[in-house]
Amino acid sequence: MEVTNVFVSIGVADHAAGCDWWSTLLGREPDRRPVASCCEWDLTDSVLFQVLDNPKQGSVDTVSLRLEDLDAEIARLRGQGLAISDPELVPGFDTLRIANLADPDGNTINLLGGQ
């Protein structure tokens, strides 16, 4: 299997509010809205992230993002009013740290920094 692209999709109950929240988290507006029920960001050349109008039936998703500067992003997000945990060292790693927050639908977002 030769994978060329990765698509990550997360469902939200209120699509407009979900797109706004994820725009705040990612620090920019979506790259496109191909249909009314989807907003998309190109996170890298091969990773596409989608927020879909798809109310869940009791499930919660998790998205983990490794960042260049975890501390700067935590400061930016807190400045935007988002509640985020203080970063903690991930057990078993020398420098890998993790901070967590949740979107309005209860989906967990793990922000990682280090190795």
N, C-alpha and C. Protein backbone atom coordinates (compact mmCIF):
# COMPACT_ATOMS: atom_id res chain seq x y z
N MET A 1 0.84 -1.17 0.00
CA MET A 1 0.00 0.00 0.00
C MET A 1 0.89 1.24 0.00
N GLU A 2 0.70 2.10 -0.96
CA GLU A 2 1.43 3.36 -1.02
C GLU A 2 0.45 4.50 -0.78
N VAL A 3 0.52 5.07 0.40
CA VAL A 3 -0.39 6.16 0.78
C VAL A 3 0.21 7.48 0.32
N THR A 4 -0.58 8.28 -0.38
CA THR A 4 -0.10 9.57 -0.88
C THR A 4 -0.67 10.75 -0.12
N ASN A 5 -1.83 10.58 0.49
CA ASN A 5 -2.45 11.66 1.25
C ASN A 5 -3.21 11.07 2.43
N VAL A 6 -3.36 11.87 3.47
CA VAL A 6 -4.14 11.47 4.64
C VAL A 6 -5.25 12.50 4.83
N PHE A 7 -6.48 12.01 4.99
CA PHE A 7 -7.63 12.86 5.25
C PHE A 7 -8.10 12.58 6.67
N VAL A 8 -8.19 13.61 7.48
CA VAL A 8 -8.69 13.49 8.84
C VAL A 8 -9.98 14.28 8.90
N SER A 9 -11.07 13.62 9.33
CA SER A 9 -12.37 14.28 9.40
C SER A 9 -12.90 14.19 10.81
N ILE A 10 -13.55 15.26 11.25
CA ILE A 10 -14.17 15.29 12.56
C ILE A 10 -15.58 15.84 12.40
N GLY A 11 -16.54 15.19 13.03
CA GLY A 11 -17.93 15.62 12.94
C GLY A 11 -18.30 16.55 14.07
N VAL A 12 -19.13 17.53 13.76
CA VAL A 12 -19.60 18.49 14.76
C VAL A 12 -21.11 18.65 14.64
N ALA A 13 -21.76 19.01 15.75
CA ALA A 13 -23.21 19.19 15.76
C ALA A 13 -23.62 20.52 15.14
N ASP A 14 -22.83 21.57 15.38
CA ASP A 14 -23.12 22.90 14.83
C ASP A 14 -21.98 23.24 13.88
N HIS A 15 -22.22 23.07 12.59
CA HIS A 15 -21.13 23.19 11.61
C HIS A 15 -20.51 24.58 11.60
N ALA A 16 -21.31 25.63 11.59
CA ALA A 16 -20.77 27.00 11.55
C ALA A 16 -19.91 27.27 12.78
N ALA A 17 -20.41 26.91 13.96
CA ALA A 17 -19.65 27.12 15.19
C ALA A 17 -18.40 26.25 15.20
N GLY A 18 -18.51 25.02 14.69
CA GLY A 18 -17.35 24.13 14.64
C GLY A 18 -16.26 24.67 13.73
N CYS A 19 -16.65 25.17 12.56
CA CYS A 19 -15.66 25.75 11.63
C CYS A 19 -15.00 26.98 12.25
N ASP A 20 -15.79 27.81 12.94
CA ASP A 20 -15.22 28.98 13.62
C ASP A 20 -14.23 28.56 14.70
N TRP A 21 -14.60 27.57 15.51
CA TRP A 21 -13.74 27.13 16.59
C TRP A 21 -12.43 26.57 16.04
N TRP A 22 -12.51 25.71 15.03
CA TRP A 22 -11.31 25.12 14.45
C TRP A 22 -10.47 26.18 13.73
N SER A 23 -11.11 27.20 13.18
CA SER A 23 -10.36 28.32 12.58
C SER A 23 -9.54 29.02 13.65
N THR A 24 -10.13 29.21 14.83
CA THR A 24 -9.40 29.82 15.94
C THR A 24 -8.24 28.93 16.35
N LEU A 25 -8.50 27.64 16.50
CA LEU A 25 -7.44 26.72 16.91
C LEU A 25 -6.30 26.71 15.91
N LEU A 26 -6.62 26.60 14.63
CA LEU A 26 -5.58 26.50 13.60
C LEU A 26 -4.98 27.85 13.21
N GLY A 27 -5.60 28.93 13.65
CA GLY A 27 -5.04 30.26 13.40
C GLY A 27 -5.30 30.81 12.02
N ARG A 28 -6.27 30.24 11.30
CA ARG A 28 -6.59 30.73 9.96
C ARG A 28 -7.94 30.16 9.51
N GLU A 29 -8.50 30.81 8.53
CA GLU A 29 -9.75 30.37 7.95
C GLU A 29 -9.52 29.09 7.13
N PRO A 30 -10.57 28.33 6.85
CA PRO A 30 -10.41 27.13 6.01
C PRO A 30 -9.84 27.48 4.64
N ASP A 31 -9.13 26.55 4.07
CA ASP A 31 -8.61 26.73 2.71
C ASP A 31 -9.72 26.66 1.68
N ARG A 32 -10.76 25.92 2.00
CA ARG A 32 -11.90 25.83 1.08
C ARG A 32 -13.10 25.24 1.81
N ARG A 33 -14.26 25.46 1.21
CA ARG A 33 -15.53 24.88 1.66
C ARG A 33 -16.15 24.22 0.43
N PRO A 34 -15.78 22.96 0.15
CA PRO A 34 -16.22 22.31 -1.08
C PRO A 34 -17.73 22.11 -1.18
N VAL A 35 -18.37 21.93 -0.04
CA VAL A 35 -19.83 21.84 0.04
C VAL A 35 -20.24 22.53 1.33
N ALA A 36 -21.53 22.82 1.47
CA ALA A 36 -22.01 23.57 2.64
C ALA A 36 -21.73 22.85 3.96
N SER A 37 -21.61 21.55 3.94
CA SER A 37 -21.44 20.78 5.17
C SER A 37 -19.98 20.41 5.47
N CYS A 38 -19.02 21.08 4.82
CA CYS A 38 -17.61 20.72 4.98
C CYS A 38 -16.72 21.95 4.85
N CYS A 39 -15.81 22.12 5.81
CA CYS A 39 -14.74 23.11 5.64
C CYS A 39 -13.42 22.35 5.78
N GLU A 40 -12.42 22.75 4.98
CA GLU A 40 -11.18 21.99 4.88
C GLU A 40 -9.95 22.89 5.03
N TRP A 41 -8.94 22.32 5.68
CA TRP A 41 -7.64 22.97 5.80
C TRP A 41 -6.57 22.01 5.28
N ASP A 42 -5.64 22.52 4.50
CA ASP A 42 -4.46 21.76 4.10
C ASP A 42 -3.43 21.97 5.20
N LEU A 43 -3.25 20.97 6.07
CA LEU A 43 -2.30 21.11 7.18
C LEU A 43 -0.87 20.94 6.72
N THR A 44 -0.65 20.06 5.76
CA THR A 44 0.64 19.90 5.09
C THR A 44 0.33 19.57 3.64
N ASP A 45 1.36 19.32 2.86
CA ASP A 45 1.13 18.96 1.46
C ASP A 45 0.35 17.66 1.32
N SER A 46 0.39 16.81 2.34
CA SER A 46 -0.27 15.51 2.21
C SER A 46 -1.31 15.23 3.30
N VAL A 47 -1.62 16.21 4.15
CA VAL A 47 -2.62 16.01 5.20
C VAL A 47 -3.72 17.05 5.07
N LEU A 48 -4.94 16.55 4.87
CA LEU A 48 -6.13 17.39 4.75
C LEU A 48 -7.00 17.17 5.98
N PHE A 49 -7.41 18.26 6.62
CA PHE A 49 -8.28 18.19 7.80
C PHE A 49 -9.64 18.75 7.45
N GLN A 50 -10.71 18.01 7.79
CA GLN A 50 -12.07 18.42 7.46
C GLN A 50 -12.92 18.51 8.72
N VAL A 51 -13.76 19.54 8.80
CA VAL A 51 -14.82 19.62 9.81
C VAL A 51 -16.12 19.42 9.06
N LEU A 52 -16.86 18.38 9.47
CA LEU A 52 -18.08 17.98 8.77
C LEU A 52 -19.30 18.21 9.64
N ASP A 53 -20.40 18.61 9.01
CA ASP A 53 -21.69 18.72 9.69
C ASP A 53 -22.21 17.31 9.87
N ASN A 54 -21.90 16.73 11.03
CA ASN A 54 -22.22 15.33 11.27
C ASN A 54 -22.38 15.10 12.76
N PRO A 55 -23.55 15.44 13.32
CA PRO A 55 -23.75 15.21 14.75
C PRO A 55 -23.51 13.75 15.09
N LYS A 56 -22.73 13.55 16.13
CA LYS A 56 -22.36 12.19 16.52
C LYS A 56 -23.46 11.52 17.31
N GLN A 57 -23.38 10.24 17.35
CA GLN A 57 -24.31 9.45 18.16
C GLN A 57 -23.53 8.85 19.32
N GLY A 58 -23.07 9.70 20.23
CA GLY A 58 -22.38 9.24 21.41
C GLY A 58 -20.89 8.97 21.25
N SER A 59 -20.31 9.30 20.12
CA SER A 59 -18.88 9.06 19.95
C SER A 59 -18.11 10.37 20.08
N VAL A 60 -16.88 10.25 20.50
CA VAL A 60 -15.99 11.40 20.61
C VAL A 60 -14.72 11.07 19.86
N ASP A 61 -14.23 12.03 19.09
CA ASP A 61 -13.01 11.84 18.31
C ASP A 61 -11.82 12.49 18.99
N THR A 62 -10.63 12.06 18.61
CA THR A 62 -9.39 12.65 19.09
C THR A 62 -8.52 13.01 17.90
N VAL A 63 -7.96 14.22 17.95
CA VAL A 63 -7.02 14.69 16.94
C VAL A 63 -5.74 15.08 17.67
N SER A 64 -4.60 14.59 17.20
CA SER A 64 -3.31 14.95 17.79
C SER A 64 -2.49 15.69 16.74
N LEU A 65 -1.94 16.83 17.15
CA LEU A 65 -1.17 17.68 16.25
C LEU A 65 0.20 17.94 16.85
N ARG A 66 1.27 17.59 16.14
CA ARG A 66 2.62 17.93 16.59
C ARG A 66 2.96 19.30 16.04
N LEU A 67 3.44 20.18 16.92
CA LEU A 67 3.67 21.58 16.57
C LEU A 67 5.14 21.94 16.64
N GLU A 68 5.52 22.95 15.87
CA GLU A 68 6.90 23.46 15.91
C GLU A 68 7.20 24.11 17.26
N ASP A 69 6.26 24.91 17.79
CA ASP A 69 6.49 25.65 19.03
C ASP A 69 5.25 25.52 19.92
N LEU A 70 5.24 24.48 20.74
CA LEU A 70 4.09 24.20 21.60
C LEU A 70 3.78 25.37 22.53
N ASP A 71 4.79 25.93 23.18
CA ASP A 71 4.55 27.01 24.13
C ASP A 71 3.94 28.25 23.47
N ALA A 72 4.42 28.60 22.29
CA ALA A 72 3.88 29.76 21.58
C ALA A 72 2.42 29.52 21.19
N GLU A 73 2.10 28.31 20.76
CA GLU A 73 0.71 28.00 20.38
C GLU A 73 -0.21 28.00 21.59
N ILE A 74 0.27 27.48 22.72
CA ILE A 74 -0.54 27.52 23.94
C ILE A 74 -0.83 28.97 24.30
N ALA A 75 0.17 29.83 24.25
CA ALA A 75 -0.04 31.25 24.56
C ALA A 75 -1.03 31.88 23.58
N ARG A 76 -0.90 31.57 22.30
CA ARG A 76 -1.82 32.13 21.31
C ARG A 76 -3.25 31.68 21.56
N LEU A 77 -3.43 30.40 21.81
CA LEU A 77 -4.77 29.86 22.03
C LEU A 77 -5.40 30.40 23.30
N ARG A 78 -4.61 30.51 24.35
CA ARG A 78 -5.15 31.10 25.59
C ARG A 78 -5.51 32.56 25.36
N GLY A 79 -4.74 33.26 24.54
CA GLY A 79 -5.05 34.64 24.19
C GLY A 79 -6.36 34.76 23.41
N GLN A 80 -6.75 33.68 22.73
CA GLN A 80 -8.02 33.64 22.00
C GLN A 80 -9.16 33.16 22.90
N GLY A 81 -8.86 32.90 24.17
CA GLY A 81 -9.89 32.49 25.11
C GLY A 81 -10.15 31.00 25.19
N LEU A 82 -9.29 30.18 24.59
CA LEU A 82 -9.49 28.73 24.65
C LEU A 82 -8.84 28.17 25.91
N ALA A 83 -9.55 27.26 26.57
CA ALA A 83 -9.03 26.61 27.77
C ALA A 83 -8.16 25.43 27.35
N ILE A 84 -6.92 25.44 27.80
CA ILE A 84 -5.97 24.39 27.43
C ILE A 84 -5.14 24.02 28.65
N SER A 85 -4.85 22.74 28.80
CA SER A 85 -4.07 22.29 29.95
C SER A 85 -2.63 22.78 29.85
N ASP A 86 -1.96 22.78 30.99
CA ASP A 86 -0.53 23.05 30.98
C ASP A 86 0.17 21.84 30.35
N PRO A 87 1.24 22.06 29.60
CA PRO A 87 1.92 20.92 28.98
C PRO A 87 2.60 20.03 30.02
N GLU A 88 2.57 18.74 29.74
CA GLU A 88 3.22 17.75 30.61
C GLU A 88 4.13 16.88 29.77
N LEU A 89 5.19 16.39 30.37
CA LEU A 89 6.09 15.46 29.70
C LEU A 89 5.37 14.13 29.49
N VAL A 90 5.47 13.58 28.29
CA VAL A 90 4.85 12.29 27.99
C VAL A 90 5.76 11.19 28.55
N PRO A 91 5.21 10.31 29.41
CA PRO A 91 6.03 9.25 29.99
C PRO A 91 6.73 8.41 28.91
N GLY A 92 8.01 8.14 29.15
CA GLY A 92 8.78 7.33 28.22
C GLY A 92 9.53 8.13 27.17
N PHE A 93 9.32 9.46 27.14
CA PHE A 93 10.00 10.32 26.17
C PHE A 93 10.84 11.35 26.92
N ASP A 94 11.96 11.72 26.33
CA ASP A 94 12.84 12.68 26.97
C ASP A 94 12.33 14.11 26.87
N THR A 95 11.79 14.50 25.72
CA THR A 95 11.39 15.90 25.53
C THR A 95 9.98 16.08 25.00
N LEU A 96 9.27 15.00 24.69
CA LEU A 96 7.92 15.13 24.13
C LEU A 96 6.93 15.57 25.21
N ARG A 97 6.27 16.70 24.93
CA ARG A 97 5.28 17.22 25.87
C ARG A 97 3.91 17.27 25.19
N ILE A 98 2.86 17.22 26.02
CA ILE A 98 1.50 17.22 25.50
C ILE A 98 0.64 18.18 26.32
N ALA A 99 -0.22 18.88 25.63
CA ALA A 99 -1.25 19.72 26.25
C ALA A 99 -2.56 19.36 25.58
N ASN A 100 -3.66 19.46 26.32
CA ASN A 100 -4.95 19.02 25.80
C ASN A 100 -5.99 20.13 25.89
N LEU A 101 -6.94 20.07 24.96
CA LEU A 101 -8.13 20.89 25.03
C LEU A 101 -9.24 20.13 24.32
N ALA A 102 -10.45 20.65 24.42
CA ALA A 102 -11.60 20.01 23.77
C ALA A 102 -12.35 21.05 22.97
N ASP A 103 -12.91 20.60 21.85
CA ASP A 103 -13.76 21.51 21.07
C ASP A 103 -15.16 21.52 21.67
N PRO A 104 -16.07 22.36 21.18
CA PRO A 104 -17.40 22.45 21.78
C PRO A 104 -18.20 21.15 21.73
N ASP A 105 -17.82 20.20 20.87
CA ASP A 105 -18.51 18.91 20.80
C ASP A 105 -17.88 17.85 21.70
N GLY A 106 -16.84 18.22 22.45
CA GLY A 106 -16.18 17.27 23.34
C GLY A 106 -15.08 16.46 22.70
N ASN A 107 -14.74 16.76 21.46
CA ASN A 107 -13.62 16.09 20.81
C ASN A 107 -12.32 16.54 21.46
N THR A 108 -11.42 15.60 21.71
CA THR A 108 -10.14 15.90 22.35
C THR A 108 -9.12 16.31 21.30
N ILE A 109 -8.39 17.38 21.60
CA ILE A 109 -7.29 17.81 20.75
C ILE A 109 -6.03 17.73 21.60
N ASN A 110 -5.07 16.91 21.17
CA ASN A 110 -3.77 16.80 21.82
C ASN A 110 -2.79 17.63 21.02
N LEU A 111 -2.12 18.54 21.69
CA LEU A 111 -1.07 19.33 21.06
C LEU A 111 0.26 18.82 21.59
N LEU A 112 1.15 18.45 20.68
CA LEU A 112 2.43 17.86 21.05
C LEU A 112 3.58 18.76 20.63
N GLY A 113 4.63 18.75 21.44
CA GLY A 113 5.84 19.48 21.11
C GLY A 113 7.05 18.71 21.59
N GLY A 114 8.12 18.76 20.85
CA GLY A 114 9.34 18.04 21.22
C GLY A 114 9.41 16.70 20.53
N GLN A 115 10.33 15.88 20.99
CA GLN A 115 10.55 14.56 20.38
C GLN A 115 10.25 13.45 21.35
